[in-house]
C-alpha atoms as a PDB file:
ATOM      1  CA  MET A   1      -9.587 -20.046  -2.163  1.00  0.00           C
ATOM      2  CA  ARG A   2      -8.434 -23.820  -1.694  1.00  0.00           C
ATOM      3  CA  ARG A   3      -5.052 -22.596  -0.794  1.00  0.00           C
ATOM      4  CA  ALA A   4      -6.298 -20.334   1.859  1.00  0.00           C
ATOM      5  CA  LEU A   5      -8.449 -22.973   3.190  1.00  0.00           C
ATOM      6  CA  PHE A   6      -5.325 -25.580   3.360  1.00  0.00           C
ATOM      7  CA  LEU A   7      -3.076 -22.750   5.010  1.00  0.00           C
ATOM      8  CA  SER A   8      -6.072 -22.657   7.397  1.00  0.00           C
ATOM      9  CA  CYS A   9      -5.522 -26.070   8.557  1.00  0.00           C
ATOM     10  CA  LEU A  10      -1.682 -25.220   8.712  1.00  0.00           C
ATOM     11  CA  ALA A  11      -2.585 -22.109  10.987  1.00  0.00           C
ATOM     12  CA  VAL A  12      -4.602 -24.577  13.329  1.00  0.00           C
ATOM     13  CA  ALA A  13      -1.830 -27.107  13.672  1.00  0.00           C
ATOM     14  CA  ALA A  14       0.922 -24.511  14.339  1.00  0.00           C
ATOM     15  CA  CYS A  15      -0.315 -21.876  16.308  1.00  0.00           C
ATOM     16  CA  THR A  16      -1.150 -23.056  19.568  1.00  0.00           C
ATOM     17  CA  GLY A  17       0.929 -23.197  22.532  1.00  0.00           C
ATOM     18  CA  ASN A  18       2.665 -20.305  24.753  1.00  0.00           C
ATOM     19  CA  GLY A  19       3.852 -18.058  22.158  1.00  0.00           C
ATOM     20  CA  GLU A  20       7.648 -18.625  22.857  1.00  0.00           C
ATOM     21  CA  VAL A  21      10.273 -18.614  19.902  1.00  0.00           C
ATOM     22  CA  GLY A  22      11.711 -21.972  19.340  1.00  0.00           C
ATOM     23  CA  GLU A  23      13.798 -23.740  16.627  1.00  0.00           C
ATOM     24  CA  LEU A  24      12.572 -21.691  13.568  1.00  0.00           C
ATOM     25  CA  PRO A  25      13.087 -22.768   9.740  1.00  0.00           C
ATOM     26  CA  PRO A  26      16.203 -20.592   7.939  1.00  0.00           C
ATOM     27  CA  PRO A  27      15.311 -17.724   6.300  1.00  0.00           C
ATOM     28  CA  SER A  28      15.000 -17.946   2.095  1.00  0.00           C
ATOM     29  CA  GLY A  29      14.975 -15.610  -0.497  1.00  0.00           C
ATOM     30  CA  PRO A  30      16.773 -12.228  -1.744  1.00  0.00           C
ATOM     31  CA  PRO A  31      17.414  -9.712   1.125  1.00  0.00           C
ATOM     32  CA  GLU A  32      15.056  -7.185  -0.731  1.00  0.00           C
ATOM     33  CA  ILE A  33      11.264  -7.276  -1.547  1.00  0.00           C
ATOM     34  CA  ARG A  34      10.180  -9.290  -4.599  1.00  0.00           C
ATOM     35  CA  SER A  35       7.587  -6.728  -6.399  1.00  0.00           C
ATOM     36  CA  ASP A  36       6.230  -9.645  -8.343  1.00  0.00           C
ATOM     37  CA  VAL A  37       5.590 -11.441  -5.014  1.00  0.00           C
ATOM     38  CA  VAL A  38       4.141  -8.267  -3.527  1.00  0.00           C
ATOM     39  CA  ALA A  39       1.792  -8.186  -6.530  1.00  0.00           C
ATOM     40  CA  SER A  40       0.823 -11.886  -6.373  1.00  0.00           C
ATOM     41  CA  HIS A  41       0.136 -11.271  -2.444  1.00  0.00           C
ATOM     42  CA  GLY A  42      -2.032  -8.396  -3.745  1.00  0.00           C
ATOM     43  CA  ARG A  43      -4.035 -10.300  -6.300  1.00  0.00           C
ATOM     44  CA  GLU A  44      -4.912 -13.072  -3.383  1.00  0.00           C
ATOM     45  CA  PHE A  45      -5.948 -10.384  -1.276  1.00  0.00           C
ATOM     46  CA  ASP A  46      -8.277  -8.573  -3.585  1.00  0.00           C
ATOM     47  CA  GLY A  47      -9.459 -11.422  -5.355  1.00  0.00           C
ATOM     48  CA  ASP A  48     -10.486 -14.713  -3.595  1.00  0.00           C
ATOM     49  CA  LEU A  49     -10.052 -13.125  -0.144  1.00  0.00           C
ATOM     50  CA  SER A  50     -11.311  -9.643  -0.875  1.00  0.00           C
ATOM     51  CA  LYS A  51     -14.716  -9.734   1.627  1.00  0.00           C
ATOM     52  CA  ARG A  52     -12.786 -10.001   4.930  1.00  0.00           C
ATOM     53  CA  ASP A  53     -15.161  -8.826   7.182  1.00  0.00           C
ATOM     54  CA  ALA A  54     -14.364  -9.159  11.057  1.00  0.00           C
ATOM     55  CA  GLY A  55     -15.159 -12.401  12.404  1.00  0.00           C
ATOM     56  CA  SER A  56     -16.292 -13.808   9.069  1.00  0.00           C
ATOM     57  CA  GLN A  57     -15.040 -17.130   7.254  1.00  0.00           C
ATOM     58  CA  GLU A  58     -13.257 -15.107   4.778  1.00  0.00           C
ATOM     59  CA  GLU A  59     -11.379 -12.917   7.471  1.00  0.00           C
ATOM     60  CA  PHE A  60     -10.318 -16.042   9.116  1.00  0.00           C
ATOM     61  CA  ALA A  61      -9.037 -17.423   5.714  1.00  0.00           C
ATOM     62  CA  ALA A  62      -7.023 -14.279   5.329  1.00  0.00           C
ATOM     63  CA  ALA A  63      -5.532 -14.678   8.700  1.00  0.00           C
ATOM     64  CA  SER A  64      -4.479 -18.260   7.893  1.00  0.00           C
ATOM     65  CA  TYR A  65      -3.017 -17.398   4.613  1.00  0.00           C
ATOM     66  CA  ILE A  66      -1.027 -14.647   6.484  1.00  0.00           C
ATOM     67  CA  THR A  67      -0.176 -17.284   8.992  1.00  0.00           C
ATOM     68  CA  GLY A  68       1.125 -19.609   6.320  1.00  0.00           C
ATOM     69  CA  HIS A  69       3.485 -17.242   4.784  1.00  0.00           C
ATOM     70  CA  LEU A  70       4.946 -15.816   7.901  1.00  0.00           C
ATOM     71  CA  GLN A  71       5.783 -19.328   8.732  1.00  0.00           C
ATOM     72  CA  GLN A  72       7.733 -19.994   5.602  1.00  0.00           C
ATOM     73  CA  ALA A  73       9.442 -16.682   6.271  1.00  0.00           C
ATOM     74  CA  GLY A  74      10.847 -18.408   9.421  1.00  0.00           C
ATOM     75  CA  TYR A  75       8.528 -16.855  12.024  1.00  0.00           C
ATOM     76  CA  ALA A  76       6.893 -18.491  14.900  1.00  0.00           C
ATOM     77  CA  VAL A  77       3.315 -17.388  14.771  1.00  0.00           C
ATOM     78  CA  LYS A  78       0.532 -17.155  17.437  1.00  0.00           C
ATOM     79  CA  LEU A  79      -3.078 -16.094  17.099  1.00  0.00           C
ATOM     80  CA  GLU A  80      -4.357 -13.337  19.614  1.00  0.00           C
ATOM     81  CA  PRO A  81      -7.949 -13.528  19.964  1.00  0.00           C
ATOM     82  CA  VAL A  82     -10.056 -10.028  19.235  1.00  0.00           C
ATOM     83  CA  PRO A  83     -13.766 -10.160  20.588  1.00  0.00           C
ATOM     84  CA  VAL A  84     -15.983  -8.483  18.407  1.00  0.00           C
ATOM     85  CA  GLY A  85     -19.338  -9.129  19.804  1.00  0.00           C
ATOM     86  CA  ASP A  86     -21.567 -11.930  21.018  1.00  0.00           C
ATOM     87  CA  LEU A  87     -20.358 -15.099  19.784  1.00  0.00           C
ATOM     88  CA  VAL A  88     -18.241 -13.499  17.587  1.00  0.00           C
ATOM     89  CA  ARG A  89     -14.259 -13.184  17.173  1.00  0.00           C
ATOM     90  CA  SER A  90     -11.636 -12.004  15.146  1.00  0.00           C
ATOM     91  CA  THR A  91      -7.891 -12.466  15.596  1.00  0.00           C
ATOM     92  CA  ASN A  92      -4.642 -10.612  15.583  1.00  0.00           C
ATOM     93  CA  VAL A  93      -1.741 -12.573  13.657  1.00  0.00           C
ATOM     94  CA  VAL A  94       1.562 -11.869  15.270  1.00  0.00           C
ATOM     95  CA  ALA A  95       4.973 -12.967  14.024  1.00  0.00           C
ATOM     96  CA  LEU A  96       6.993 -13.028  17.087  1.00  0.00           C
ATOM     97  CA  PRO A  97      10.676 -11.478  17.012  1.00  0.00           C
ATOM     98  CA  PRO A  98      13.266 -14.537  16.134  1.00  0.00           C
ATOM     99  CA  GLY A  99      15.626 -12.697  18.584  1.00  0.00           C
ATOM    100  CA  GLY A 100      12.992 -13.027  20.962  1.00  0.00           C
ATOM    101  CA  ASP A 101      12.437 -10.369  23.826  1.00  0.00           C
ATOM    102  CA  PRO A 102      12.566  -7.463  24.110  1.00  0.00           C
ATOM    103  CA  VAL A 103      10.206  -6.174  21.105  1.00  0.00           C
ATOM    104  CA  GLY A 104      12.231  -3.419  19.549  1.00  0.00           C
ATOM    105  CA  ALA A 105       9.539  -2.388  16.844  1.00  0.00           C
ATOM    106  CA  VAL A 106       6.081  -3.477  15.346  1.00  0.00           C
ATOM    107  CA  VAL A 107       4.984  -3.343  12.109  1.00  0.00           C
ATOM    108  CA  ALA A 108       1.327  -3.800  12.101  1.00  0.00           C
ATOM    109  CA  ILE A 109      -1.303  -3.521   9.419  1.00  0.00           C
ATOM    110  CA  PRO A 110      -5.224  -4.440   9.199  1.00  0.00           C
ATOM    111  CA  TYR A 111      -6.258  -7.238   7.198  1.00  0.00           C
ATOM    112  CA  ASP A 112      -9.960  -7.138   7.459  1.00  0.00           C
ATOM    113  CA  ASN A 113     -12.050  -4.928   5.609  1.00  0.00           C
ATOM    114  CA  THR A 114     -15.537  -3.589   4.905  1.00  0.00           C
ATOM    115  CA  PRO A 115     -17.029  -2.280   1.571  1.00  0.00           C
ATOM    116  CA  ASN A 116     -16.001   1.136   2.526  1.00  0.00           C
ATOM    117  CA  VAL A 117     -12.284   0.063   2.474  1.00  0.00           C
ATOM    118  CA  PRO A 118     -10.226   0.715  -0.777  1.00  0.00           C
ATOM    119  CA  PRO A 119      -8.541  -2.444  -1.811  1.00  0.00           C
ATOM    120  CA  GLN A 120      -5.626  -2.893   0.092  1.00  0.00           C
ATOM    121  CA  GLY A 121      -3.982  -6.267  -1.124  1.00  0.00           C
ATOM    122  CA  ALA A 122      -0.612  -4.585  -2.069  1.00  0.00           C
ATOM    123  CA  ASP A 123      -0.107  -3.077   1.169  1.00  0.00           C
ATOM    124  CA  LEU A 124      -0.443  -6.654   2.677  1.00  0.00           C
ATOM    125  CA  GLY A 125       1.789  -8.088   0.206  1.00  0.00           C
ATOM    126  CA  LEU A 126       4.460  -5.402   0.985  1.00  0.00           C
ATOM    127  CA  PHE A 127       3.850  -6.319   4.675  1.00  0.00           C
ATOM    128  CA  LEU A 128       4.428  -9.861   4.036  1.00  0.00           C
ATOM    129  CA  GLU A 129       7.680  -9.448   1.942  1.00  0.00           C
ATOM    130  CA  ILE A 130       9.113  -6.945   4.525  1.00  0.00           C
ATOM    131  CA  ALA A 131       8.876  -9.308   7.176  1.00  0.00           C
ATOM    132  CA  ARG A 132      10.383 -12.088   4.953  1.00  0.00           C
ATOM    133  CA  ALA A 133      13.382  -9.825   3.801  1.00  0.00           C
ATOM    134  CA  LEU A 134      14.236  -8.707   7.261  1.00  0.00           C
ATOM    135  CA  ARG A 135      14.453 -12.224   8.378  1.00  0.00           C
ATOM    136  CA  VAL A 136      16.756 -12.548   5.870  1.00  0.00           C
ATOM    137  CA  VAL A 137      18.837  -9.475   6.281  1.00  0.00           C
ATOM    138  CA  GLU A 138      18.978  -9.967  10.156  1.00  0.00           C
ATOM    139  CA  PRO A 139      17.803 -13.487  11.038  1.00  0.00           C
ATOM    140  CA  ASP A 140      17.764 -12.674  14.482  1.00  0.00           C
ATOM    141  CA  HIS A 141      15.814  -9.230  14.677  1.00  0.00           C
ATOM    142  CA  HIS A 142      13.613  -8.046  17.381  1.00  0.00           C
ATOM    143  CA  VAL A 143      10.788  -6.734  15.513  1.00  0.00           C
ATOM    144  CA  GLN A 144       7.184  -7.943  15.894  1.00  0.00           C
ATOM    145  CA  PHE A 145       4.883  -8.029  12.852  1.00  0.00           C
ATOM    146  CA  VAL A 146       1.359  -8.233  13.634  1.00  0.00           C
ATOM    147  CA  ALA A 147      -1.836  -8.434  11.309  1.00  0.00           C
ATOM    148  CA  LEU A 148      -4.695  -6.422  12.813  1.00  0.00           C
ATOM    149  CA  GLY A 149      -8.162  -8.102  12.825  1.00  0.00           C
ATOM    150  CA  ALA A 150     -11.268  -6.366  13.165  1.00  0.00           C
ATOM    151  CA  GLU A 151      -9.605  -3.092  12.736  1.00  0.00           C
ATOM    152  CA  TYR A 152     -12.447  -1.569  10.767  1.00  0.00           C
ATOM    153  CA  SER A 153     -15.185  -3.161  12.553  1.00  0.00           C
ATOM    154  CA  GLU A 154     -17.521  -0.570  14.220  1.00  0.00           C
ATOM    155  CA  SER A 155     -18.253  -2.903  17.116  1.00  0.00           C
ATOM    156  CA  GLU A 156     -17.173  -1.207  20.494  1.00  0.00           C
ATOM    157  CA  GLY A 157     -15.696   1.979  18.733  1.00  0.00           C
ATOM    158  CA  GLY A 158     -13.827   0.215  16.235  1.00  0.00           C
ATOM    159  CA  HIS A 159     -10.207  -0.078  15.695  1.00  0.00           C
ATOM    160  CA  LEU A 160     -10.257  -3.351  17.924  1.00  0.00           C
ATOM    161  CA  GLY A 161      -7.115  -5.061  16.456  1.00  0.00           C
ATOM    162  CA  SER A 162      -4.790  -2.225  17.210  1.00  0.00           C
ATOM    163  CA  ARG A 163      -6.302  -1.646  20.651  1.00  0.00           C
ATOM    164  CA  ARG A 164      -5.844  -5.193  21.651  1.00  0.00           C
ATOM    165  CA  LEU A 165      -2.271  -4.964  20.326  1.00  0.00           C
ATOM    166  CA  VAL A 166      -1.730  -1.950  22.358  1.00  0.00           C
ATOM    167  CA  ASN A 167      -3.149  -3.528  25.771  1.00  0.00           C
ATOM    168  CA  LEU A 168      -0.807  -6.611  25.009  1.00  0.00           C
ATOM    169  CA  LEU A 169       2.201  -4.696  24.490  1.00  0.00           C
ATOM    170  CA  LEU A 170       1.457  -2.423  27.782  1.00  0.00           C
ATOM    171  CA  ASP A 171       0.741  -5.597  29.929  1.00  0.00           C
ATOM    172  CA  ALA A 172       4.037  -6.889  28.943  1.00  0.00           C
ATOM    173  CA  ASP A 173       5.336  -3.373  29.950  1.00  0.00           C
ATOM    174  CA  GLU A 174       7.154  -2.853  26.573  1.00  0.00           C
ATOM    175  CA  MET A 175       7.143   0.500  24.602  1.00  0.00           C
ATOM    176  CA  PRO A 176       8.161  -0.088  21.006  1.00  0.00           C
ATOM    177  CA  PRO A 177       7.665   2.181  18.252  1.00  0.00           C
ATOM    178  CA  ALA A 178       5.243   0.747  15.584  1.00  0.00           C
ATOM    179  CA  VAL A 179       4.874   1.670  11.709  1.00  0.00           C
ATOM    180  CA  THR A 180       2.196   0.628   9.383  1.00  0.00           C
ATOM    181  CA  PRO A 181       3.370   0.464   5.617  1.00  0.00           C
ATOM    182  CA  SER A 182       1.088   1.662   2.828  1.00  0.00           C
ATOM    183  CA  ILE A 183       1.628   1.973  -0.959  1.00  0.00           C
ATOM    184  CA  ILE A 184       0.620   4.952  -2.813  1.00  0.00           C
ATOM    185  CA  ASP A 185       1.006   5.928  -6.390  1.00  0.00           C
ATOM    186  CA  GLY A 186       4.080   8.015  -7.893  1.00  0.00           C
ATOM    187  CA  GLY A 187       6.746   6.809  -5.634  1.00  0.00           C
ATOM    188  CA  GLY A 188       8.993   8.407  -3.217  1.00  0.00           C
ATOM    189  CA  PHE A 189       8.818   8.273   0.539  1.00  0.00           C
ATOM    190  CA  SER A 190       6.462  10.132   3.406  1.00  0.00           C
ATOM    191  CA  SER A 191       5.957   9.172   6.943  1.00  0.00           C
ATOM    192  CA  LEU A 192       3.355  10.922   9.043  1.00  0.00           C
ATOM    193  CA  GLY A 193       3.031  10.321  12.895  1.00  0.00           C
ATOM    194  CA  PRO A 194       5.120  10.876  16.019  1.00  0.00           C
ATOM    195  CA  GLN A 195       7.533   8.071  14.696  1.00  0.00           C
ATOM    196  CA  GLY A 196       7.590   9.597  10.988  1.00  0.00           C
ATOM    197  CA  VAL A 197      10.163  12.134  11.707  1.00  0.00           C
ATOM    198  CA  GLU A 198      12.924   9.373  12.173  1.00  0.00           C
ATOM    199  CA  LEU A 199      11.483   7.384   9.169  1.00  0.00           C
ATOM    200  CA  ASN A 200      11.771  10.546   7.219  1.00  0.00           C
ATOM    201  CA  GLU A 201      15.269  11.183   8.064  1.00  0.00           C
ATOM    202  CA  VAL A 202      16.335   7.475   6.636  1.00  0.00           C
ATOM    203  CA  ALA A 203      14.541   8.227   3.635  1.00  0.00           C
ATOM    204  CA  HIS A 204      16.439  11.374   3.263  1.00  0.00           C
ATOM    205  CA  ALA A 205      19.781   9.510   4.128  1.00  0.00           C
ATOM    206  CA  LEU A 206      18.898   7.163   1.367  1.00  0.00           C
ATOM    207  CA  GLY A 207      18.655   9.683  -1.158  1.00  0.00           C
ATOM    208  CA  MET A 208      14.911   9.782  -1.908  1.00  0.00           C
ATOM    209  CA  GLU A 209      12.354  12.119  -3.190  1.00  0.00           C
ATOM    210  CA  PRO A 210       9.444  13.042  -0.985  1.00  0.00           C
ATOM    211  CA  ALA A 211       6.250  11.076  -1.682  1.00  0.00           C
ATOM    212  CA  ARG A 212       3.235  13.288  -3.259  1.00  0.00           C
ATOM    213  CA  PRO A 213       0.571  14.570  -0.550  1.00  0.00           C
ATOM    214  CA  LEU A 214      -1.033  11.593   1.134  1.00  0.00           C
ATOM    215  CA  THR A 215      -4.405  11.819  -0.138  1.00  0.00           C
ATOM    216  CA  ASP A 216      -5.338   8.303  -1.037  1.00  0.00           C
ATOM    217  CA  PRO A 217      -8.670   7.133   0.588  1.00  0.00           C
ATOM    218  CA  ILE A 218      -7.007   4.426   2.546  1.00  0.00           C
ATOM    219  CA  THR A 219      -4.657   6.754   4.274  1.00  0.00           C
ATOM    220  CA  PRO A 220      -6.911   8.556   6.952  1.00  0.00           C
ATOM    221  CA  ALA A 221      -8.206   4.819   8.148  1.00  0.00           C
ATOM    222  CA  LEU A 222      -4.506   3.859   8.681  1.00  0.00           C
ATOM    223  CA  LEU A 223      -3.744   7.082  10.404  1.00  0.00           C
ATOM    224  CA  GLU A 224      -6.281   6.159  13.186  1.00  0.00           C
ATOM    225  CA  ILE A 225      -4.176   3.695  14.187  1.00  0.00           C
ATOM    226  CA  THR A 226      -1.522   6.695  15.177  1.00  0.00           C
ATOM    227  CA  LYS A 227      -4.609   8.017  17.510  1.00  0.00           C
ATOM    228  CA  VAL A 228      -4.863   4.402  19.048  1.00  0.00           C
ATOM    229  CA  PHE A 229      -1.168   4.451  19.906  1.00  0.00           C
ATOM    230  CA  GLN A 230      -1.010   7.883  21.049  1.00  0.00           C
ATOM    231  CA  ALA A 231      -3.904   7.490  23.597  1.00  0.00           C
ATOM    232  CA  ALA A 232      -1.640   4.898  24.963  1.00  0.00           C
ATOM    233  CA  GLY A 233       1.619   6.676  25.010  1.00  0.00           C
ATOM    234  CA  LEU A 234       3.038   4.792  22.043  1.00  0.00           C
ATOM    235  CA  GLU A 235       4.724   6.081  19.111  1.00  0.00           C
ATOM    236  CA  HIS A 236       3.436   5.027  15.669  1.00  0.00           C
ATOM    237  CA  ALA A 237       3.535   6.291  11.876  1.00  0.00           C
ATOM    238  CA  VAL A 238       2.258   5.699   8.471  1.00  0.00           C
ATOM    239  CA  ALA A 239       5.111   4.865   5.928  1.00  0.00           C
ATOM    240  CA  SER A 240       3.601   5.655   2.939  1.00  0.00           C
ATOM    241  CA  GLY A 241       5.433   6.017  -0.783  1.00  0.00           C
ATOM    242  CA  GLY A 242       6.166   3.497  -3.725  1.00  0.00           C
ATOM    243  CA  ALA A 243       6.672   0.079  -2.535  1.00  0.00           C
ATOM    244  CA  ASP A 244      10.352  -0.262  -3.048  1.00  0.00           C
ATOM    245  CA  GLU A 245      11.217   3.095  -1.068  1.00  0.00           C
ATOM    246  CA  VAL A 246       8.849   1.764   1.616  1.00  0.00           C
ATOM    247  CA  ALA A 247      10.539  -1.283   2.023  1.00  0.00           C
ATOM    248  CA  GLU A 248      14.075   0.058   1.722  1.00  0.00           C
ATOM    249  CA  VAL A 249      13.258   2.859   4.340  1.00  0.00           C
ATOM    250  CA  LEU A 250      11.741   0.074   6.869  1.00  0.00           C
ATOM    251  CA  LEU A 251      14.552  -2.567   6.245  1.00  0.00           C
ATOM    252  CA  ALA A 252      17.214   0.070   6.945  1.00  0.00           C
ATOM    253  CA  TYR A 253      15.293   1.249  10.125  1.00  0.00           C
ATOM    254  CA  LEU A 254      14.060  -1.900  11.392  1.00  0.00           C
ATOM    255  CA  ARG A 255      17.540  -3.687  10.894  1.00  0.00           C
ATOM    256  CA  ASP A 256      19.516  -1.278  13.237  1.00  0.00           C
ATOM    257  CA  LEU A 257      17.235  -1.552  16.123  1.00  0.00           C
END
């Protein structure tokens, strides 16, 4: 937890401003995901940061952890407020595209949780590693990475993080496709949602086997994000499968945008 609190101070110091992309640190690490790092992130989120109710200090610590690692990967990061209720506020953590506007695609994932949400630390670890690896493969890419706060809150109908993200995209007159990564047992790859057809075609071209039916408890909750995007006329898909397969498909897809 001390590590997260240190990153909290870093976040507050580094995430103010108008959100424009200035001089960024160089990308680092290999051009593919590191399974051990995904697992390490997963242990942090499912251990010290396992209780992340919307608007709580624990959720803020998780936001700070995510912010610190996105900054280390070479992103300018801004915090978008997500109102939850009276005097309660959550935050979307937004890694701006290093190539600047326009936004070619969005990778979004919830980082809050509730007692009814299964552990999703590995998904968050994969999200962070895909962001880092894409920065290495395509340093000036146009992909926005967003960690969604208050996604599982029941306040105001729920899905506050994705609704906030969609509203900001529409206000900026941007209509990029969006995707949410999700690790499931058994490997392979499968993608559900309007954008899933294109992602499945990428997986097929890479010679991947289809993933098993998506029956993990977390999947229905993630698919609710698709409904939020669809209601706004935007495309979204959940990319599920083994961590390596999901990363390979998304890196191949995102680098060509």
